[in-house]
Amino acid sequence: MNQDRIQGRWKQLKGKVREQWGKLTDDDLDVIAGRRDQLLGRIQQRHGLAKDEAERQVKNWEGRNPEFRLDGAPQRRRERSQ
């Protein structure tokens, strides 16, 4: 999903983000505004996580919520070999 579309759906996305990372404040969510780099930084700060762990958690979250991927890359489906 491109950045413009993410920001346009940010209200809906904020609820999902808050469910996953409950220590994020309303101010944090306003600063993040759909930007993945900001989300990673705020998760590290509020949850006391290393950069690699925050990245792992965000990737896992994006995998469970493909409609809200923050990196702008299309979700690829794995093709089964026959």
PDB file of N, CA and C in Angstrom:
ATOM      1  N   MET A   1       0.858  -1.165   0.000  1.00  0.00           N
ATOM      2  CA  MET A   1       0.000   0.000   0.000  1.00  0.00           C
ATOM      3  C   MET A   1       0.906   1.230   0.000  1.00  0.00           C
ATOM      4  N   ASN A   2       0.608   2.198  -0.859  1.00  0.00           N
ATOM      5  CA  ASN A   2       1.480   3.359  -0.909  1.00  0.00           C
ATOM      6  C   ASN A   2       1.211   4.298   0.265  1.00  0.00           C
ATOM      7  N   GLN A   3       2.162   5.175   0.482  1.00  0.00           N
ATOM      8  CA  GLN A   3       2.128   6.041   1.664  1.00  0.00           C
ATOM      9  C   GLN A   3       0.878   6.923   1.715  1.00  0.00           C
ATOM     10  N   ASP A   4       0.424   7.436   0.578  1.00  0.00           N
ATOM     11  CA  ASP A   4      -0.786   8.274   0.559  1.00  0.00           C
ATOM     12  C   ASP A   4      -2.004   7.495   1.020  1.00  0.00           C
ATOM     13  N   ARG A   5      -2.121   6.257   0.563  1.00  0.00           N
ATOM     14  CA  ARG A   5      -3.262   5.430   0.962  1.00  0.00           C
ATOM     15  C   ARG A   5      -3.182   5.057   2.440  1.00  0.00           C
ATOM     16  N   ILE A   6      -1.970   4.790   2.933  1.00  0.00           N
ATOM     17  CA  ILE A   6      -1.807   4.472   4.355  1.00  0.00           C
ATOM     18  C   ILE A   6      -2.249   5.653   5.197  1.00  0.00           C
ATOM     19  N   GLN A   7      -1.776   6.839   4.851  1.00  0.00           N
ATOM     20  CA  GLN A   7      -2.142   8.014   5.631  1.00  0.00           C
ATOM     21  C   GLN A   7      -3.634   8.287   5.555  1.00  0.00           C
ATOM     22  N   GLY A   8      -4.259   7.971   4.430  1.00  0.00           N
ATOM     23  CA  GLY A   8      -5.686   8.161   4.292  1.00  0.00           C
ATOM     24  C   GLY A   8      -6.493   7.212   5.168  1.00  0.00           C
ATOM     25  N   ARG A   9      -5.941   6.063   5.477  1.00  0.00           N
ATOM     26  CA  ARG A   9      -6.625   5.071   6.312  1.00  0.00           C
ATOM     27  C   ARG A   9      -6.040   5.026   7.725  1.00  0.00           C
ATOM     28  N   TRP A  10      -5.302   6.042   8.093  1.00  0.00           N
ATOM     29  CA  TRP A  10      -4.566   6.009   9.354  1.00  0.00           C
ATOM     30  C   TRP A  10      -5.474   5.854  10.571  1.00  0.00           C
ATOM     31  N   LYS A  11      -6.661   6.431  10.568  1.00  0.00           N
ATOM     32  CA  LYS A  11      -7.558   6.285  11.725  1.00  0.00           C
ATOM     33  C   LYS A  11      -7.869   4.819  11.986  1.00  0.00           C
ATOM     34  N   GLN A  12      -8.182   4.092  10.945  1.00  0.00           N
ATOM     35  CA  GLN A  12      -8.470   2.664  11.075  1.00  0.00           C
ATOM     36  C   GLN A  12      -7.209   1.908  11.490  1.00  0.00           C
ATOM     37  N   LEU A  13      -6.112   2.260  10.914  1.00  0.00           N
ATOM     38  CA  LEU A  13      -4.841   1.598  11.202  1.00  0.00           C
ATOM     39  C   LEU A  13      -4.388   1.849  12.637  1.00  0.00           C
ATOM     40  N   LYS A  14      -4.636   3.049  13.156  1.00  0.00           N
ATOM     41  CA  LYS A  14      -4.215   3.381  14.525  1.00  0.00           C
ATOM     42  C   LYS A  14      -4.779   2.402  15.542  1.00  0.00           C
ATOM     43  N   GLY A  15      -6.013   2.003  15.379  1.00  0.00           N
ATOM     44  CA  GLY A  15      -6.617   1.055  16.309  1.00  0.00           C
ATOM     45  C   GLY A  15      -5.901  -0.279  16.306  1.00  0.00           C
ATOM     46  N   LYS A  16      -5.548  -0.749  15.112  1.00  0.00           N
ATOM     47  CA  LYS A  16      -4.820  -2.019  14.998  1.00  0.00           C
ATOM     48  C   LYS A  16      -3.425  -1.910  15.613  1.00  0.00           C
ATOM     49  N   VAL A  17      -2.762  -0.789  15.372  1.00  0.00           N
ATOM     50  CA  VAL A  17      -1.424  -0.571  15.930  1.00  0.00           C
ATOM     51  C   VAL A  17      -1.504  -0.529  17.453  1.00  0.00           C
ATOM     52  N   ARG A  18      -2.487   0.169  17.988  1.00  0.00           N
ATOM     53  CA  ARG A  18      -2.655   0.285  19.431  1.00  0.00           C
ATOM     54  C   ARG A  18      -2.941  -1.080  20.062  1.00  0.00           C
ATOM     55  N   GLU A  19      -3.711  -1.937  19.373  1.00  0.00           N
ATOM     56  CA  GLU A  19      -3.973  -3.281  19.883  1.00  0.00           C
ATOM     57  C   GLU A  19      -2.672  -4.063  20.051  1.00  0.00           C
ATOM     58  N   GLN A  20      -1.766  -3.906  19.109  1.00  0.00           N
ATOM     59  CA  GLN A  20      -0.511  -4.662  19.136  1.00  0.00           C
ATOM     60  C   GLN A  20       0.503  -4.059  20.109  1.00  0.00           C
ATOM     61  N   TRP A  21       0.627  -2.747  20.107  1.00  0.00           N
ATOM     62  CA  TRP A  21       1.643  -2.073  20.923  1.00  0.00           C
ATOM     63  C   TRP A  21       0.935  -1.073  21.835  1.00  0.00           C
ATOM     64  N   GLY A  22       0.393  -1.576  22.926  1.00  0.00           N
ATOM     65  CA  GLY A  22      -0.459  -0.804  23.820  1.00  0.00           C
ATOM     66  C   GLY A  22       0.209   0.340  24.554  1.00  0.00           C
ATOM     67  N   LYS A  23       1.518   0.380  24.601  1.00  0.00           N
ATOM     68  CA  LYS A  23       2.204   1.473  25.293  1.00  0.00           C
ATOM     69  C   LYS A  23       2.337   2.726  24.435  1.00  0.00           C
ATOM     70  N   LEU A  24       1.993   2.630  23.163  1.00  0.00           N
ATOM     71  CA  LEU A  24       2.049   3.815  22.308  1.00  0.00           C
ATOM     72  C   LEU A  24       0.940   4.776  22.711  1.00  0.00           C
ATOM     73  N   THR A  25       1.278   6.042  22.806  1.00  0.00           N
ATOM     74  CA  THR A  25       0.318   7.070  23.204  1.00  0.00           C
ATOM     75  C   THR A  25      -0.384   7.658  21.980  1.00  0.00           C
ATOM     76  N   ASP A  26      -1.429   8.432  22.235  1.00  0.00           N
ATOM     77  CA  ASP A  26      -2.092   9.141  21.138  1.00  0.00           C
ATOM     78  C   ASP A  26      -1.118  10.073  20.437  1.00  0.00           C
ATOM     79  N   ASP A  27      -0.257  10.727  21.207  1.00  0.00           N
ATOM     80  CA  ASP A  27       0.747  11.599  20.599  1.00  0.00           C
ATOM     81  C   ASP A  27       1.697  10.803  19.702  1.00  0.00           C
ATOM     82  N   ASP A  28       2.109   9.611  20.171  1.00  0.00           N
ATOM     83  CA  ASP A  28       2.973   8.751  19.350  1.00  0.00           C
ATOM     84  C   ASP A  28       2.288   8.436  18.022  1.00  0.00           C
ATOM     85  N   LEU A  29       1.024   8.047  18.106  1.00  0.00           N
ATOM     86  CA  LEU A  29       0.287   7.678  16.900  1.00  0.00           C
ATOM     87  C   LEU A  29       0.136   8.854  15.946  1.00  0.00           C
ATOM     88  N   ASP A  30      -0.015  10.055  16.484  1.00  0.00           N
ATOM     89  CA  ASP A  30      -0.089  11.244  15.640  1.00  0.00           C
ATOM     90  C   ASP A  30       1.241  11.495  14.936  1.00  0.00           C
ATOM     91  N   VAL A  31       2.347  11.278  15.647  1.00  0.00           N
ATOM     92  CA  VAL A  31       3.673  11.463  15.055  1.00  0.00           C
ATOM     93  C   VAL A  31       3.944  10.391  14.003  1.00  0.00           C
ATOM     94  N   ILE A  32       3.554   9.159  14.294  1.00  0.00           N
ATOM     95  CA  ILE A  32       3.795   8.045  13.364  1.00  0.00           C
ATOM     96  C   ILE A  32       3.083   8.298  12.040  1.00  0.00           C
ATOM     97  N   ALA A  33       1.807   8.630  12.112  1.00  0.00           N
ATOM     98  CA  ALA A  33       1.000   9.000  10.939  1.00  0.00           C
ATOM     99  C   ALA A  33       1.199   8.059   9.747  1.00  0.00           C
ATOM    100  N   GLY A  34       1.325   6.764  10.009  1.00  0.00           N
ATOM    101  CA  GLY A  34       1.441   5.783   8.935  1.00  0.00           C
ATOM    102  C   GLY A  34       2.845   5.556   8.417  1.00  0.00           C
ATOM    103  N   ARG A  35       3.832   6.205   9.014  1.00  0.00           N
ATOM    104  CA  ARG A  35       5.217   6.061   8.550  1.00  0.00           C
ATOM    105  C   ARG A  35       5.916   4.942   9.328  1.00  0.00           C
ATOM    106  N   ARG A  36       6.390   3.972   8.594  1.00  0.00           N
ATOM    107  CA  ARG A  36       6.987   2.773   9.183  1.00  0.00           C
ATOM    108  C   ARG A  36       8.201   3.102  10.045  1.00  0.00           C
ATOM    109  N   ASP A  37       9.064   3.987   9.572  1.00  0.00           N
ATOM    110  CA  ASP A  37      10.262   4.335  10.339  1.00  0.00           C
ATOM    111  C   ASP A  37       9.891   4.953  11.684  1.00  0.00           C
ATOM    112  N   GLN A  38       8.863   5.778  11.690  1.00  0.00           N
ATOM    113  CA  GLN A  38       8.411   6.385  12.940  1.00  0.00           C
ATOM    114  C   GLN A  38       7.806   5.332  13.865  1.00  0.00           C
ATOM    115  N   LEU A  39       7.049   4.392  13.292  1.00  0.00           N
ATOM    116  CA  LEU A  39       6.479   3.312  14.094  1.00  0.00           C
ATOM    117  C   LEU A  39       7.591   2.506  14.761  1.00  0.00           C
ATOM    118  N   LEU A  40       8.603   2.146  14.002  1.00  0.00           N
ATOM    119  CA  LEU A  40       9.715   1.374  14.570  1.00  0.00           C
ATOM    120  C   LEU A  40      10.394   2.121  15.716  1.00  0.00           C
ATOM    121  N   GLY A  41      10.653   3.403  15.509  1.00  0.00           N
ATOM    122  CA  GLY A  41      11.309   4.197  16.549  1.00  0.00           C
ATOM    123  C   GLY A  41      10.477   4.310  17.814  1.00  0.00           C
ATOM    124  N   ARG A  42       9.196   4.538  17.648  1.00  0.00           N
ATOM    125  CA  ARG A  42       8.319   4.678  18.819  1.00  0.00           C
ATOM    126  C   ARG A  42       8.146   3.352  19.550  1.00  0.00           C
ATOM    127  N   ILE A  43       8.081   2.247  18.812  1.00  0.00           N
ATOM    128  CA  ILE A  43       7.992   0.931  19.462  1.00  0.00           C
ATOM    129  C   ILE A  43       9.251   0.686  20.282  1.00  0.00           C
ATOM    130  N   GLN A  44      10.405   0.992  19.704  1.00  0.00           N
ATOM    131  CA  GLN A  44      11.663   0.819  20.437  1.00  0.00           C
ATOM    132  C   GLN A  44      11.657   1.637  21.719  1.00  0.00           C
ATOM    133  N   GLN A  45      11.248   2.882  21.594  1.00  0.00           N
ATOM    134  CA  GLN A  45      11.259   3.801  22.728  1.00  0.00           C
ATOM    135  C   GLN A  45      10.274   3.382  23.816  1.00  0.00           C
ATOM    136  N   ARG A  46       9.028   3.167  23.462  1.00  0.00           N
ATOM    137  CA  ARG A  46       7.983   2.898  24.464  1.00  0.00           C
ATOM    138  C   ARG A  46       8.047   1.497  25.047  1.00  0.00           C
ATOM    139  N   HIS A  47       8.469   0.536  24.235  1.00  0.00           N
ATOM    140  CA  HIS A  47       8.475  -0.849  24.690  1.00  0.00           C
ATOM    141  C   HIS A  47       9.872  -1.338  25.068  1.00  0.00           C
ATOM    142  N   GLY A  48      10.871  -0.468  24.946  1.00  0.00           N
ATOM    143  CA  GLY A  48      12.222  -0.815  25.355  1.00  0.00           C
ATOM    144  C   GLY A  48      12.820  -1.950  24.538  1.00  0.00           C
ATOM    145  N   LEU A  49      12.573  -1.940  23.233  1.00  0.00           N
ATOM    146  CA  LEU A  49      13.045  -3.020  22.372  1.00  0.00           C
ATOM    147  C   LEU A  49      14.241  -2.576  21.545  1.00  0.00           C
ATOM    148  N   ALA A  50      15.076  -3.552  21.205  1.00  0.00           N
ATOM    149  CA  ALA A  50      16.163  -3.296  20.265  1.00  0.00           C
ATOM    150  C   ALA A  50      15.575  -3.122  18.871  1.00  0.00           C
ATOM    151  N   LYS A  51      16.328  -2.470  18.001  1.00  0.00           N
ATOM    152  CA  LYS A  51      15.866  -2.201  16.638  1.00  0.00           C
ATOM    153  C   LYS A  51      15.468  -3.495  15.920  1.00  0.00           C
ATOM    154  N   ASP A  52      16.295  -4.533  16.034  1.00  0.00           N
ATOM    155  CA  ASP A  52      16.002  -5.802  15.355  1.00  0.00           C
ATOM    156  C   ASP A  52      14.703  -6.425  15.852  1.00  0.00           C
ATOM    157  N   GLU A  53      14.453  -6.349  17.148  1.00  0.00           N
ATOM    158  CA  GLU A  53      13.230  -6.920  17.712  1.00  0.00           C
ATOM    159  C   GLU A  53      12.007  -6.121  17.280  1.00  0.00           C
ATOM    160  N   ALA A  54      12.119  -4.802  17.261  1.00  0.00           N
ATOM    161  CA  ALA A  54      11.001  -3.971  16.790  1.00  0.00           C
ATOM    162  C   ALA A  54      10.703  -4.287  15.328  1.00  0.00           C
ATOM    163  N   GLU A  55      11.733  -4.424  14.522  1.00  0.00           N
ATOM    164  CA  GLU A  55      11.558  -4.763  13.101  1.00  0.00           C
ATOM    165  C   GLU A  55      10.886  -6.128  12.953  1.00  0.00           C
ATOM    166  N   ARG A  56      11.289  -7.092  13.740  1.00  0.00           N
ATOM    167  CA  ARG A  56      10.694  -8.427  13.689  1.00  0.00           C
ATOM    168  C   ARG A  56       9.204  -8.356  14.029  1.00  0.00           C
ATOM    169  N   GLN A  57       8.884  -7.615  15.086  1.00  0.00           N
ATOM    170  CA  GLN A  57       7.482  -7.498  15.487  1.00  0.00           C
ATOM    171  C   GLN A  57       6.630  -6.816  14.415  1.00  0.00           C
ATOM    172  N   VAL A  58       7.156  -5.769  13.805  1.00  0.00           N
ATOM    173  CA  VAL A  58       6.401  -5.066  12.769  1.00  0.00           C
ATOM    174  C   VAL A  58       6.201  -5.973  11.556  1.00  0.00           C
ATOM    175  N   LYS A  59       7.238  -6.694  11.156  1.00  0.00           N
ATOM    176  CA  LYS A  59       7.099  -7.621  10.028  1.00  0.00           C
ATOM    177  C   LYS A  59       6.049  -8.686  10.322  1.00  0.00           C
ATOM    178  N   ASN A  60       6.074  -9.237  11.529  1.00  0.00           N
ATOM    179  CA  ASN A  60       5.070 -10.237  11.904  1.00  0.00           C
ATOM    180  C   ASN A  60       3.670  -9.639  11.873  1.00  0.00           C
ATOM    181  N   TRP A  61       3.531  -8.427  12.399  1.00  0.00           N
ATOM    182  CA  TRP A  61       2.237  -7.741  12.400  1.00  0.00           C
ATOM    183  C   TRP A  61       1.748  -7.500  10.970  1.00  0.00           C
ATOM    184  N   GLU A  62       2.645  -7.044  10.105  1.00  0.00           N
ATOM    185  CA  GLU A  62       2.280  -6.821   8.708  1.00  0.00           C
ATOM    186  C   GLU A  62       1.853  -8.124   8.035  1.00  0.00           C
ATOM    187  N   GLY A  63       2.506  -9.229   8.398  1.00  0.00           N
ATOM    188  CA  GLY A  63       2.125 -10.519   7.841  1.00  0.00           C
ATOM    189  C   GLY A  63       0.724 -10.939   8.246  1.00  0.00           C
ATOM    190  N   ARG A  64       0.331 -10.579   9.459  1.00  0.00           N
ATOM    191  CA  ARG A  64      -1.020 -10.895   9.939  1.00  0.00           C
ATOM    192  C   ARG A  64      -2.058  -9.881   9.469  1.00  0.00           C
ATOM    193  N   ASN A  65      -1.597  -8.717   9.044  1.00  0.00           N
ATOM    194  CA  ASN A  65      -2.492  -7.633   8.608  1.00  0.00           C
ATOM    195  C   ASN A  65      -2.020  -7.099   7.251  1.00  0.00           C
ATOM    196  N   PRO A  66      -2.045  -7.924   6.209  1.00  0.00           N
ATOM    197  CA  PRO A  66      -1.468  -7.498   4.923  1.00  0.00           C
ATOM    198  C   PRO A  66      -2.129  -6.260   4.325  1.00  0.00           C
ATOM    199  N   GLU A  67      -3.358  -5.999   4.703  1.00  0.00           N
ATOM    200  CA  GLU A  67      -4.025  -4.803   4.175  1.00  0.00           C
ATOM    201  C   GLU A  67      -3.432  -3.523   4.752  1.00  0.00           C
ATOM    202  N   PHE A  68      -2.608  -3.652   5.786  1.00  0.00           N
ATOM    203  CA  PHE A  68      -2.015  -2.482   6.430  1.00  0.00           C
ATOM    204  C   PHE A  68      -0.495  -2.463   6.346  1.00  0.00           C
ATOM    205  N   ARG A  69       0.069  -3.160   5.374  1.00  0.00           N
ATOM    206  CA  ARG A  69       1.533  -3.144   5.249  1.00  0.00           C
ATOM    207  C   ARG A  69       2.026  -1.704   5.139  1.00  0.00           C
ATOM    208  N   LEU A  70       3.069  -1.393   5.887  1.00  0.00           N
ATOM    209  CA  LEU A  70       3.561  -0.014   5.946  1.00  0.00           C
ATOM    210  C   LEU A  70       4.725   0.269   5.011  1.00  0.00           C
ATOM    211  N   ASP A  71       5.311  -0.758   4.422  1.00  0.00           N
ATOM    212  CA  ASP A  71       6.504  -0.518   3.625  1.00  0.00           C
ATOM    213  C   ASP A  71       6.213  -0.184   2.170  1.00  0.00           C
ATOM    214  N   GLY A  72       4.952  -0.221   1.780  1.00  0.00           N
ATOM    215  CA  GLY A  72       4.594   0.135   0.418  1.00  0.00           C
ATOM    216  C   GLY A  72       4.790  -0.982  -0.592  1.00  0.00           C
ATOM    217  N   ALA A  73       5.397  -2.075  -0.186  1.00  0.00           N
ATOM    218  CA  ALA A  73       5.624  -3.189  -1.105  1.00  0.00           C
ATOM    219  C   ALA A  73       4.367  -4.032  -1.203  1.00  0.00           C
ATOM    220  N   PRO A  74       4.071  -4.541  -2.378  1.00  0.00           N
ATOM    221  CA  PRO A  74       2.900  -5.405  -2.497  1.00  0.00           C
ATOM    222  C   PRO A  74       3.111  -6.711  -1.752  1.00  0.00           C
ATOM    223  N   GLN A  75       2.033  -7.233  -1.231  1.00  0.00           N
ATOM    224  CA  GLN A  75       2.088  -8.511  -0.526  1.00  0.00           C
ATOM    225  C   GLN A  75       2.205  -9.615  -1.563  1.00  0.00           C
ATOM    226  N   ARG A  76       3.240 -10.405  -1.448  1.00  0.00           N
ATOM    227  CA  ARG A  76       3.415 -11.527  -2.373  1.00  0.00           C
ATOM    228  C   ARG A  76       2.803 -12.778  -1.792  1.00  0.00           C
ATOM    229  N   ARG A  77       2.193 -13.526  -2.658  1.00  0.00           N
ATOM    230  CA  ARG A  77       1.664 -14.817  -2.247  1.00  0.00           C
ATOM    231  C   ARG A  77       2.654 -15.880  -2.653  1.00  0.00           C
ATOM    232  N   ARG A  78       2.825 -16.850  -1.790  1.00  0.00           N
ATOM    233  CA  ARG A  78       3.710 -17.956  -2.118  1.00  0.00           C
ATOM    234  C   ARG A  78       2.993 -18.895  -3.077  1.00  0.00           C
ATOM    235  N   GLU A  79       3.695 -19.256  -4.114  1.00  0.00           N
ATOM    236  CA  GLU A  79       3.118 -20.201  -5.057  1.00  0.00           C
ATOM    237  C   GLU A  79       3.539 -21.596  -4.666  1.00  0.00           C
ATOM    238  N   ARG A  80       2.562 -22.482  -4.699  1.00  0.00           N
ATOM    239  CA  ARG A  80       2.874 -23.864  -4.367  1.00  0.00           C
ATOM    240  C   ARG A  80       3.428 -24.558  -5.586  1.00  0.00           C
ATOM    241  N   SER A  81       4.487 -25.316  -5.382  1.00  0.00           N
ATOM    242  CA  SER A  81       5.034 -26.094  -6.490  1.00  0.00           C
ATOM    243  C   SER A  81       4.183 -27.332  -6.693  1.00  0.00           C
ATOM    244  N   GLN A  82       4.041 -27.711  -7.932  1.00  0.00           N
ATOM    245  CA  GLN A  82       3.179 -28.860  -8.235  1.00  0.00           C
ATOM    246  C   GLN A  82       3.995 -30.059  -8.591  1.00  0.00           C
TER     247      GLN A  82
END
